[in-house]
PDB file of all heavy atoms in Angstrom:
ATOM      1  N   THR A   1     131.674 188.398 105.228  1.00  0.00           N
ATOM      2  CA  THR A   1     131.004 189.470 106.000  1.00  0.00           C
ATOM      3  C   THR A   1     129.523 189.357 105.904  1.00  0.00           C
ATOM      4  O   THR A   1     128.795 189.507 106.935  1.00  0.00           O
ATOM      5  CB  THR A   1     131.495 190.845 105.469  1.00  0.00           C
ATOM      6  OG1 THR A   1     132.893 190.918 105.659  1.00  0.00           O
ATOM      7  CG2 THR A   1     130.849 191.982 106.225  1.00  0.00           C
ATOM      8  N   ASP A   2     129.002 189.067 104.712  1.00  0.00           N
ATOM      9  CA  ASP A   2     127.558 188.946 104.552  1.00  0.00           C
ATOM     10  C   ASP A   2     127.024 187.756 105.381  1.00  0.00           C
ATOM     11  O   ASP A   2     125.941 187.902 105.951  1.00  0.00           O
ATOM     12  CB  ASP A   2     127.164 188.709 103.083  1.00  0.00           C
ATOM     13  CG  ASP A   2     127.326 190.012 102.256  1.00  0.00           C
ATOM     14  OD1 ASP A   2     127.463 191.085 102.878  1.00  0.00           O
ATOM     15  OD2 ASP A   2     127.333 189.931 101.040  1.00  0.00           O
ATOM     16  N   LEU A   3     127.763 186.677 105.467  1.00  0.00           N
ATOM     17  CA  LEU A   3     127.329 185.565 106.301  1.00  0.00           C
ATOM     18  C   LEU A   3     127.320 185.980 107.756  1.00  0.00           C
ATOM     19  O   LEU A   3     126.394 185.682 108.530  1.00  0.00           O
ATOM     20  CB  LEU A   3     128.246 184.359 106.107  1.00  0.00           C
ATOM     21  CG  LEU A   3     127.928 183.126 106.941  1.00  0.00           C
ATOM     22  CD1 LEU A   3     126.512 182.654 106.726  1.00  0.00           C
ATOM     23  CD2 LEU A   3     128.943 182.011 106.622  1.00  0.00           C
ATOM     24  N   GLY A   4     128.363 186.791 108.182  1.00  0.00           N
ATOM     25  CA  GLY A   4     128.395 187.288 109.529  1.00  0.00           C
ATOM     26  C   GLY A   4     127.169 188.130 109.828  1.00  0.00           C
ATOM     27  O   GLY A   4     126.602 188.096 110.891  1.00  0.00           O
ATOM     28  N   LEU A   5     126.749 188.936 108.824  1.00  0.00           N
ATOM     29  CA  LEU A   5     125.569 189.808 108.992  1.00  0.00           C
ATOM     30  C   LEU A   5     124.309 188.916 109.201  1.00  0.00           C
ATOM     31  O   LEU A   5     123.421 189.275 109.987  1.00  0.00           O
ATOM     32  CB  LEU A   5     125.362 190.700 107.834  1.00  0.00           C
ATOM     33  CG  LEU A   5     126.114 192.028 107.908  1.00  0.00           C
ATOM     34  CD1 LEU A   5     125.911 192.802 106.585  1.00  0.00           C
ATOM     35  CD2 LEU A   5     125.578 192.861 109.055  1.00  0.00           C
ATOM     36  N   SER A   6     124.244 187.810 108.492  1.00  0.00           N
ATOM     37  CA  SER A   6     123.089 186.920 108.670  1.00  0.00           C
ATOM     38  C   SER A   6     123.022 186.429 110.131  1.00  0.00           C
ATOM     39  O   SER A   6     121.975 186.399 110.747  1.00  0.00           O
ATOM     40  CB  SER A   6     123.202 185.708 107.710  1.00  0.00           C
ATOM     41  OG  SER A   6     123.131 186.156 106.381  1.00  0.00           O
ATOM     42  N   PHE A   7     124.168 186.040 110.642  1.00  0.00           N
ATOM     43  CA  PHE A   7     124.194 185.638 112.073  1.00  0.00           C
ATOM     44  C   PHE A   7     123.838 186.786 113.015  1.00  0.00           C
ATOM     45  O   PHE A   7     123.086 186.623 113.960  1.00  0.00           O
ATOM     46  CB  PHE A   7     125.579 185.077 112.415  1.00  0.00           C
ATOM     47  CG  PHE A   7     125.931 183.782 111.780  1.00  0.00           C
ATOM     48  CD1 PHE A   7     127.192 183.561 111.206  1.00  0.00           C
ATOM     49  CD2 PHE A   7     125.022 182.734 111.749  1.00  0.00           C
ATOM     50  CE1 PHE A   7     127.512 182.378 110.616  1.00  0.00           C
ATOM     51  CE2 PHE A   7     125.330 181.486 111.161  1.00  0.00           C
ATOM     52  CZ  PHE A   7     126.599 181.302 110.574  1.00  0.00           C
ATOM     53  N   PHE A   8     124.379 187.979 112.644  1.00  0.00           N
ATOM     54  CA  PHE A   8     124.112 189.142 113.473  1.00  0.00           C
ATOM     55  C   PHE A   8     122.587 189.423 113.535  1.00  0.00           C
ATOM     56  O   PHE A   8     122.023 189.594 114.629  1.00  0.00           O
ATOM     57  CB  PHE A   8     124.824 190.371 112.898  1.00  0.00           C
ATOM     58  CG  PHE A   8     124.547 191.644 113.674  1.00  0.00           C
ATOM     59  CD1 PHE A   8     125.276 191.924 114.815  1.00  0.00           C
ATOM     60  CD2 PHE A   8     123.487 192.478 113.315  1.00  0.00           C
ATOM     61  CE1 PHE A   8     125.016 193.078 115.554  1.00  0.00           C
ATOM     62  CE2 PHE A   8     123.217 193.635 114.080  1.00  0.00           C
ATOM     63  CZ  PHE A   8     124.001 193.939 115.170  1.00  0.00           C
ATOM     64  N   PHE A   9     121.893 189.450 112.400  1.00  0.00           N
ATOM     65  CA  PHE A   9     120.515 189.767 112.374  1.00  0.00           C
ATOM     66  C   PHE A   9     119.655 188.656 112.968  1.00  0.00           C
ATOM     67  O   PHE A   9     118.518 188.923 113.397  1.00  0.00           O
ATOM     68  CB  PHE A   9     120.068 190.116 110.969  1.00  0.00           C
ATOM     69  CG  PHE A   9     120.555 191.482 110.558  1.00  0.00           C
ATOM     70  CD1 PHE A   9     121.234 191.660 109.346  1.00  0.00           C
ATOM     71  CD2 PHE A   9     120.404 192.626 111.342  1.00  0.00           C
ATOM     72  CE1 PHE A   9     121.752 192.879 108.937  1.00  0.00           C
ATOM     73  CE2 PHE A   9     120.914 193.835 110.958  1.00  0.00           C
ATOM     74  CZ  PHE A   9     121.564 194.002 109.783  1.00  0.00           C
ATOM     75  N   ALA A  10     120.221 187.479 113.063  1.00  0.00           N
ATOM     76  CA  ALA A  10     119.576 186.371 113.759  1.00  0.00           C
ATOM     77  C   ALA A  10     119.860 186.459 115.256  1.00  0.00           C
ATOM     78  O   ALA A  10     119.467 185.608 116.027  1.00  0.00           O
ATOM     79  CB  ALA A  10     119.983 185.017 113.217  1.00  0.00           C
ATOM     80  N   ARG A  11     120.626 187.483 115.623  1.00  0.00           N
ATOM     81  CA  ARG A  11     121.045 187.721 117.000  1.00  0.00           C
ATOM     82  C   ARG A  11     121.931 186.636 117.580  1.00  0.00           C
ATOM     83  O   ARG A  11     121.925 186.345 118.777  1.00  0.00           O
ATOM     84  CB  ARG A  11     119.844 188.088 117.907  1.00  0.00           C
ATOM     85  CG  ARG A  11     119.128 189.337 117.286  1.00  0.00           C
ATOM     86  CD  ARG A  11     118.203 190.004 118.167  1.00  0.00           C
ATOM     87  NE  ARG A  11     117.619 191.111 117.457  1.00  0.00           N
ATOM     88  CZ  ARG A  11     117.304 192.246 117.991  1.00  0.00           C
ATOM     89  NH1 ARG A  11     117.547 192.460 119.253  1.00  0.00           N
ATOM     90  NH2 ARG A  11     116.717 193.185 117.292  1.00  0.00           N
ATOM     91  N   GLN A  12     122.655 185.997 116.684  1.00  0.00           N
ATOM     92  CA  GLN A  12     123.645 185.005 117.077  1.00  0.00           C
ATOM     93  C   GLN A  12     125.016 185.742 117.042  1.00  0.00           C
ATOM     94  O   GLN A  12     125.838 185.530 116.167  1.00  0.00           O
ATOM     95  CB  GLN A  12     123.625 183.860 116.119  1.00  0.00           C
ATOM     96  CG  GLN A  12     122.315 183.064 116.138  1.00  0.00           C
ATOM     97  CD  GLN A  12     122.278 181.967 115.086  1.00  0.00           C
ATOM     98  OE1 GLN A  12     123.320 181.542 114.570  1.00  0.00           O
ATOM     99  NE2 GLN A  12     121.106 181.510 114.767  1.00  0.00           N
ATOM    100  N   TYR A  13     125.236 186.560 118.037  1.00  0.00           N
ATOM    101  CA  TYR A  13     126.347 187.477 118.025  1.00  0.00           C
ATOM    102  C   TYR A  13     127.720 186.757 118.086  1.00  0.00           C
ATOM    103  O   TYR A  13     128.631 187.168 117.425  1.00  0.00           O
ATOM    104  CB  TYR A  13     126.243 188.511 119.148  1.00  0.00           C
ATOM    105  CG  TYR A  13     124.965 189.306 119.023  1.00  0.00           C
ATOM    106  CD1 TYR A  13     124.024 189.369 120.059  1.00  0.00           C
ATOM    107  CD2 TYR A  13     124.667 189.995 117.840  1.00  0.00           C
ATOM    108  CE1 TYR A  13     122.866 190.090 119.963  1.00  0.00           C
ATOM    109  CE2 TYR A  13     123.481 190.700 117.720  1.00  0.00           C
ATOM    110  CZ  TYR A  13     122.582 190.747 118.755  1.00  0.00           C
ATOM    111  OH  TYR A  13     121.415 191.461 118.637  1.00  0.00           O
ATOM    112  N   GLU A  14     127.825 185.680 118.835  1.00  0.00           N
ATOM    113  CA  GLU A  14     129.103 184.933 118.934  1.00  0.00           C
ATOM    114  C   GLU A  14     129.459 184.364 117.558  1.00  0.00           C
ATOM    115  O   GLU A  14     130.607 184.479 117.116  1.00  0.00           O
ATOM    116  CB  GLU A  14     128.996 183.840 119.970  1.00  0.00           C
ATOM    117  CG  GLU A  14     130.358 183.300 120.352  1.00  0.00           C
ATOM    118  CD  GLU A  14     131.294 184.342 120.936  1.00  0.00           C
ATOM    119  OE1 GLU A  14     130.912 185.110 121.818  1.00  0.00           O
ATOM    120  OE2 GLU A  14     132.470 184.364 120.448  1.00  0.00           O
ATOM    121  N   ARG A  15     128.499 183.822 116.867  1.00  0.00           N
ATOM    122  CA  ARG A  15     128.762 183.260 115.526  1.00  0.00           C
ATOM    123  C   ARG A  15     129.125 184.397 114.531  1.00  0.00           C
ATOM    124  O   ARG A  15     129.983 184.229 113.668  1.00  0.00           O
ATOM    125  CB  ARG A  15     127.588 182.460 115.006  1.00  0.00           C
ATOM    126  CG  ARG A  15     127.395 181.136 115.776  1.00  0.00           C
ATOM    127  CD  ARG A  15     126.253 180.307 115.249  1.00  0.00           C
ATOM    128  NE  ARG A  15     126.651 179.739 113.989  1.00  0.00           N
ATOM    129  CZ  ARG A  15     125.799 179.036 113.195  1.00  0.00           C
ATOM    130  NH1 ARG A  15     124.542 178.888 113.570  1.00  0.00           N
ATOM    131  NH2 ARG A  15     126.182 178.512 112.054  1.00  0.00           N
ATOM    132  N   ALA A  16     128.430 185.533 114.683  1.00  0.00           N
ATOM    133  CA  ALA A  16     128.748 186.642 113.830  1.00  0.00           C
ATOM    134  C   ALA A  16     130.155 187.150 114.079  1.00  0.00           C
ATOM    135  O   ALA A  16     130.876 187.394 113.076  1.00  0.00           O
ATOM    136  CB  ALA A  16     127.729 187.779 114.106  1.00  0.00           C
ATOM    137  N   ILE A  17     130.558 187.233 115.281  1.00  0.00           N
ATOM    138  CA  ILE A  17     131.912 187.671 115.637  1.00  0.00           C
ATOM    139  C   ILE A  17     132.938 186.728 114.989  1.00  0.00           C
ATOM    140  O   ILE A  17     133.936 187.182 114.375  1.00  0.00           O
ATOM    141  CB  ILE A  17     132.127 187.780 117.160  1.00  0.00           C
ATOM    142  CG1 ILE A  17     131.337 188.980 117.688  1.00  0.00           C
ATOM    143  CG2 ILE A  17     133.593 187.888 117.538  1.00  0.00           C
ATOM    144  CD1 ILE A  17     131.197 188.999 119.182  1.00  0.00           C
ATOM    145  N   GLU A  18     132.747 185.441 115.134  1.00  0.00           N
ATOM    146  CA  GLU A  18     133.592 184.451 114.535  1.00  0.00           C
ATOM    147  C   GLU A  18     133.712 184.653 113.033  1.00  0.00           C
ATOM    148  O   GLU A  18     134.814 184.613 112.404  1.00  0.00           O
ATOM    149  CB  GLU A  18     133.157 183.007 114.827  1.00  0.00           C
ATOM    150  CG  GLU A  18     133.292 182.573 116.278  1.00  0.00           C
ATOM    151  CD  GLU A  18     132.647 181.259 116.558  1.00  0.00           C
ATOM    152  OE1 GLU A  18     132.283 180.536 115.637  1.00  0.00           O
ATOM    153  OE2 GLU A  18     132.479 180.979 117.750  1.00  0.00           O
ATOM    154  N   GLN A  19     132.628 184.888 112.397  1.00  0.00           N
ATOM    155  CA  GLN A  19     132.604 185.030 110.934  1.00  0.00           C
ATOM    156  C   GLN A  19     133.278 186.352 110.522  1.00  0.00           C
ATOM    157  O   GLN A  19     134.044 186.361 109.526  1.00  0.00           O
ATOM    158  CB  GLN A  19     131.136 185.017 110.419  1.00  0.00           C
ATOM    159  CG  GLN A  19     131.020 184.774 108.955  1.00  0.00           C
ATOM    160  CD  GLN A  19     131.619 183.432 108.522  1.00  0.00           C
ATOM    161  OE1 GLN A  19     131.384 182.418 109.162  1.00  0.00           O
ATOM    162  NE2 GLN A  19     132.380 183.454 107.460  1.00  0.00           N
ATOM    163  N   PHE A  20     133.037 187.409 111.242  1.00  0.00           N
ATOM    164  CA  PHE A  20     133.687 188.684 110.910  1.00  0.00           C
ATOM    165  C   PHE A  20     135.197 188.579 111.087  1.00  0.00           C
ATOM    166  O   PHE A  20     135.990 189.134 110.301  1.00  0.00           O
ATOM    167  CB  PHE A  20     133.141 189.828 111.755  1.00  0.00           C
ATOM    168  CG  PHE A  20     131.672 190.157 111.478  1.00  0.00           C
ATOM    169  CD1 PHE A  20     130.814 190.409 112.510  1.00  0.00           C
ATOM    170  CD2 PHE A  20     131.199 190.178 110.164  1.00  0.00           C
ATOM    171  CE1 PHE A  20     129.479 190.739 112.246  1.00  0.00           C
ATOM    172  CE2 PHE A  20     129.874 190.495 109.899  1.00  0.00           C
ATOM    173  CZ  PHE A  20     128.994 190.765 110.951  1.00  0.00           C
ATOM    174  N   GLU A  21     135.639 187.861 112.165  1.00  0.00           N
ATOM    175  CA  GLU A  21     137.054 187.668 112.373  1.00  0.00           C
ATOM    176  C   GLU A  21     137.686 186.901 111.197  1.00  0.00           C
ATOM    177  O   GLU A  21     138.831 187.175 110.780  1.00  0.00           O
ATOM    178  CB  GLU A  21     137.325 186.989 113.698  1.00  0.00           C
ATOM    179  CG  GLU A  21     137.049 187.960 114.856  1.00  0.00           C
ATOM    180  CD  GLU A  21     137.149 187.368 116.250  1.00  0.00           C
ATOM    181  OE1 GLU A  21     137.090 186.062 116.340  1.00  0.00           O
ATOM    182  OE2 GLU A  21     137.305 188.095 117.198  1.00  0.00           O
ATOM    183  N   LYS A  22     136.990 185.885 110.734  1.00  0.00           N
ATOM    184  CA  LYS A  22     137.472 185.131 109.538  1.00  0.00           C
ATOM    185  C   LYS A  22     137.611 186.050 108.346  1.00  0.00           C
ATOM    186  O   LYS A  22     138.607 186.011 107.607  1.00  0.00           O
ATOM    187  CB  LYS A  22     136.505 184.005 109.184  1.00  0.00           C
ATOM    188  CG  LYS A  22     136.594 182.826 110.087  1.00  0.00           C
ATOM    189  CD  LYS A  22     135.590 181.715 109.596  1.00  0.00           C
ATOM    190  CE  LYS A  22     135.491 180.603 110.599  1.00  0.00           C
ATOM    191  NZ  LYS A  22     134.476 179.666 110.218  1.00  0.00           N
ATOM    192  N   ALA A  23     136.624 186.936 108.134  1.00  0.00           N
ATOM    193  CA  ALA A  23     136.673 187.881 107.032  1.00  0.00           C
ATOM    194  C   ALA A  23     137.854 188.851 107.167  1.00  0.00           C
ATOM    195  O   ALA A  23     138.542 189.178 106.187  1.00  0.00           O
ATOM    196  CB  ALA A  23     135.366 188.639 106.953  1.00  0.00           C
ATOM    197  N   LEU A  24     138.135 189.265 108.378  1.00  0.00           N
ATOM    198  CA  LEU A  24     139.250 190.167 108.628  1.00  0.00           C
ATOM    199  C   LEU A  24     140.626 189.524 108.428  1.00  0.00           C
ATOM    200  O   LEU A  24     141.596 190.167 108.092  1.00  0.00           O
ATOM    201  CB  LEU A  24     139.176 190.802 109.989  1.00  0.00           C
ATOM    202  CG  LEU A  24     138.123 191.881 110.190  1.00  0.00           C
ATOM    203  CD1 LEU A  24     137.975 192.290 111.652  1.00  0.00           C
ATOM    204  CD2 LEU A  24     138.429 193.103 109.305  1.00  0.00           C
ATOM    205  N   GLU A  25     140.689 188.192 108.600  1.00  0.00           N
ATOM    206  CA  GLU A  25     141.882 187.499 108.302  1.00  0.00           C
ATOM    207  C   GLU A  25     142.242 187.626 106.819  1.00  0.00           C
ATOM    208  O   GLU A  25     143.421 187.739 106.440  1.00  0.00           O
ATOM    209  CB  GLU A  25     141.794 186.000 108.653  1.00  0.00           C
ATOM    210  CG  GLU A  25     141.828 185.719 110.127  1.00  0.00           C
ATOM    211  CD  GLU A  25     141.541 184.254 110.475  1.00  0.00           C
ATOM    212  OE1 GLU A  25     141.621 183.388 109.537  1.00  0.00           O
ATOM    213  OE2 GLU A  25     141.229 184.013 111.646  1.00  0.00           O
ATOM    214  N   MET A  26     141.212 187.706 105.954  1.00  0.00           N
ATOM    215  CA  MET A  26     141.400 187.830 104.493  1.00  0.00           C
ATOM    216  C   MET A  26     141.668 189.245 104.090  1.00  0.00           C
ATOM    217  O   MET A  26     142.413 189.522 103.167  1.00  0.00           O
ATOM    218  CB  MET A  26     140.152 187.308 103.783  1.00  0.00           C
ATOM    219  CG  MET A  26     140.001 185.797 103.885  1.00  0.00           C
ATOM    220  SD  MET A  26     138.524 185.346 102.942  1.00  0.00           S
ATOM    221  CE  MET A  26     137.847 184.166 104.071  1.00  0.00           C
ATOM    222  N   ASP A  27     141.008 190.196 104.836  1.00  0.00           N
ATOM    223  CA  ASP A  27     141.171 191.598 104.511  1.00  0.00           C
ATOM    224  C   ASP A  27     141.081 192.453 105.773  1.00  0.00           C
ATOM    225  O   ASP A  27     140.025 192.855 106.187  1.00  0.00           O
ATOM    226  CB  ASP A  27     140.067 192.042 103.511  1.00  0.00           C
ATOM    227  CG  ASP A  27     140.223 193.454 103.099  1.00  0.00           C
ATOM    228  OD1 ASP A  27     141.208 194.156 103.510  1.00  0.00           O
ATOM    229  OD2 ASP A  27     139.355 193.976 102.376  1.00  0.00           O
ATOM    230  N   PRO A  28     142.206 192.631 106.429  1.00  0.00           N
ATOM    231  CA  PRO A  28     142.221 193.375 107.704  1.00  0.00           C
ATOM    232  C   PRO A  28     141.812 194.800 107.607  1.00  0.00           C
ATOM    233  O   PRO A  28     141.509 195.444 108.583  1.00  0.00           O
ATOM    234  CB  PRO A  28     143.695 193.283 108.200  1.00  0.00           C
ATOM    235  CG  PRO A  28     144.431 192.478 107.221  1.00  0.00           C
ATOM    236  CD  PRO A  28     143.546 192.162 106.034  1.00  0.00           C
ATOM    237  N   ASN A  29     141.757 195.350 106.370  1.00  0.00           N
ATOM    238  CA  ASN A  29     141.417 196.762 106.167  1.00  0.00           C
ATOM    239  C   ASN A  29     139.985 196.927 105.659  1.00  0.00           C
ATOM    240  O   ASN A  29     139.617 197.978 105.155  1.00  0.00           O
ATOM    241  CB  ASN A  29     142.388 197.467 105.238  1.00  0.00           C
ATOM    242  CG  ASN A  29     143.772 197.581 105.888  1.00  0.00           C
ATOM    243  OD1 ASN A  29     143.873 197.875 107.027  1.00  0.00           O
ATOM    244  ND2 ASN A  29     144.788 197.244 105.109  1.00  0.00           N
ATOM    245  N   SER A  30     139.157 195.906 105.812  1.00  0.00           N
ATOM    246  CA  SER A  30     137.772 196.008 105.393  1.00  0.00           C
ATOM    247  C   SER A  30     137.003 196.845 106.420  1.00  0.00           C
ATOM    248  O   SER A  30     136.720 196.411 107.526  1.00  0.00           O
ATOM    249  CB  SER A  30     137.106 194.648 105.274  1.00  0.00           C
ATOM    250  OG  SER A  30     135.742 194.775 105.085  1.00  0.00           O
TER     251      SER A  30
END
């Protein structure tokens, strides 16, 4: 999730989405 935030704040939204989706695979209730 933190890596996704790094992409988000760099305004790389597609990469952020991919990273957040990976994180949700590990914990869907985050």
